[in-house]
Protein backbone atom coordinates (compact mmCIF):
# COMPACT_ATOMS: atom_id res chain seq x y z
CA VAL A 1 10.10 -16.08 -2.22
CA ILE A 2 10.79 -15.60 1.45
CA ALA A 3 11.64 -12.44 3.36
CA LEU A 4 14.12 -12.10 6.19
CA ASP A 5 14.37 -8.99 8.35
CA ILE A 6 17.96 -8.98 9.56
CA GLU A 7 18.37 -7.32 12.94
CA GLY A 8 20.93 -4.56 12.72
CA GLY A 9 19.60 -2.74 9.68
CA LYS A 10 21.31 -2.11 6.37
CA GLU A 11 24.84 -2.84 7.59
CA ALA A 12 23.83 -6.24 8.97
CA ALA A 13 21.78 -7.00 5.85
CA PHE A 14 24.81 -6.26 3.67
CA ARG A 15 27.04 -8.47 5.87
CA PHE A 16 24.49 -11.27 5.36
CA LEU A 17 24.37 -10.74 1.59
CA ASN A 18 28.14 -10.57 1.27
CA ALA A 19 28.53 -13.81 3.23
CA LEU A 20 26.31 -15.82 0.87
CA LYS A 21 28.26 -18.30 -1.24
CA ILE A 22 25.61 -20.08 -3.29
CA VAL A 23 22.81 -17.54 -3.39
CA LEU A 24 23.48 -14.75 -5.90
CA ILE A 25 22.88 -11.07 -5.11
CA SER A 26 20.67 -9.35 -7.68
CA ASN A 27 18.33 -6.40 -8.09
CA ASN A 28 15.64 -8.65 -9.57
CA LEU A 29 14.04 -11.84 -8.35
CA GLY A 30 12.94 -14.76 -10.46
CA ASP A 31 15.42 -17.22 -11.90
CA ALA A 32 16.23 -20.91 -11.70
CA LYS A 33 19.06 -19.91 -9.36
CA SER A 34 18.56 -18.67 -5.82
CA ILE A 35 18.74 -14.89 -5.66
CA ALA A 36 18.74 -12.42 -2.77
CA THR A 37 17.99 -8.71 -2.93
CA HIS A 38 17.95 -5.75 -0.54
CA PRO A 39 14.77 -3.88 -1.52
CA ALA A 40 15.56 -0.71 0.45
CA THR A 41 18.57 -0.02 -1.79
CA THR A 42 17.36 -1.60 -5.03
CA THR A 43 13.71 -2.02 -6.05
CA HIS A 44 12.34 0.52 -3.55
CA GLN A 45 15.33 2.86 -3.24
CA ARG A 46 13.50 5.92 -4.57
CA LEU A 47 10.64 5.73 -2.10
CA PRO A 48 10.74 8.01 0.94
CA ASP A 49 11.51 6.20 4.19
CA ASP A 50 7.95 6.62 5.49
CA HIS A 51 6.56 4.92 2.38
CA LYS A 52 9.08 2.09 2.72
CA ALA A 53 8.06 1.63 6.35
CA ALA A 54 4.38 1.52 5.39
CA LEU A 55 5.19 -1.25 2.91
CA GLY A 56 7.30 -3.19 5.42
CA ILE A 57 10.53 -2.39 3.58
CA THR A 58 12.88 -2.12 6.56
CA PRO A 59 16.63 -1.42 6.36
CA GLY A 60 17.27 -5.07 7.29
CA LEU A 61 14.83 -6.66 4.83
CA ILE A 62 16.23 -9.28 2.47
CA ARG A 63 14.09 -10.99 -0.14
CA LEU A 64 15.26 -14.44 -1.10
CA SER A 65 13.95 -16.22 -4.18
CA VAL A 66 14.75 -19.91 -3.80
CA GLY A 67 15.97 -21.67 -6.92
CA ILE A 68 16.67 -25.25 -7.88
CA GLU A 69 19.91 -25.78 -5.98
CA ASP A 70 20.15 -28.57 -3.41
CA THR A 71 17.98 -27.75 -0.40
CA ASP A 72 20.62 -28.74 2.15
CA ASP A 73 23.21 -26.57 0.40
CA LEU A 74 20.87 -23.56 0.42
CA ILE A 75 20.00 -24.01 4.09
CA ALA A 76 23.68 -24.29 4.97
CA ASP A 77 24.45 -21.16 2.94
CA VAL A 78 21.75 -19.09 4.65
CA LEU A 79 22.76 -20.34 8.10
CA GLN A 80 26.45 -19.52 7.58
CA ALA A 81 25.49 -16.07 6.26
CA LEU A 82 23.36 -15.46 9.35
CA GLU A 83 26.42 -16.32 11.46
CA ALA A 84 28.26 -13.45 9.72
CA VAL A 85 25.68 -11.01 11.06
């Protein structure tokens, strides 16, 4: 699992997520497939903002669980999604 903090907050994080083509968007991590989640609006959505901040859950945070897809394909997918931001 890796974490990316996308500059530009929630809107930029959602542009990144929506641009992914191989990586699936999910509320949960842990699968043979690569999965990305936005903790601020999923797993930690009910926490007050100050608690999220204390945990490092920023509006731009994306958690990416890397699966078994081809490494070059995943890198290309993440790079093209970053271009969308």
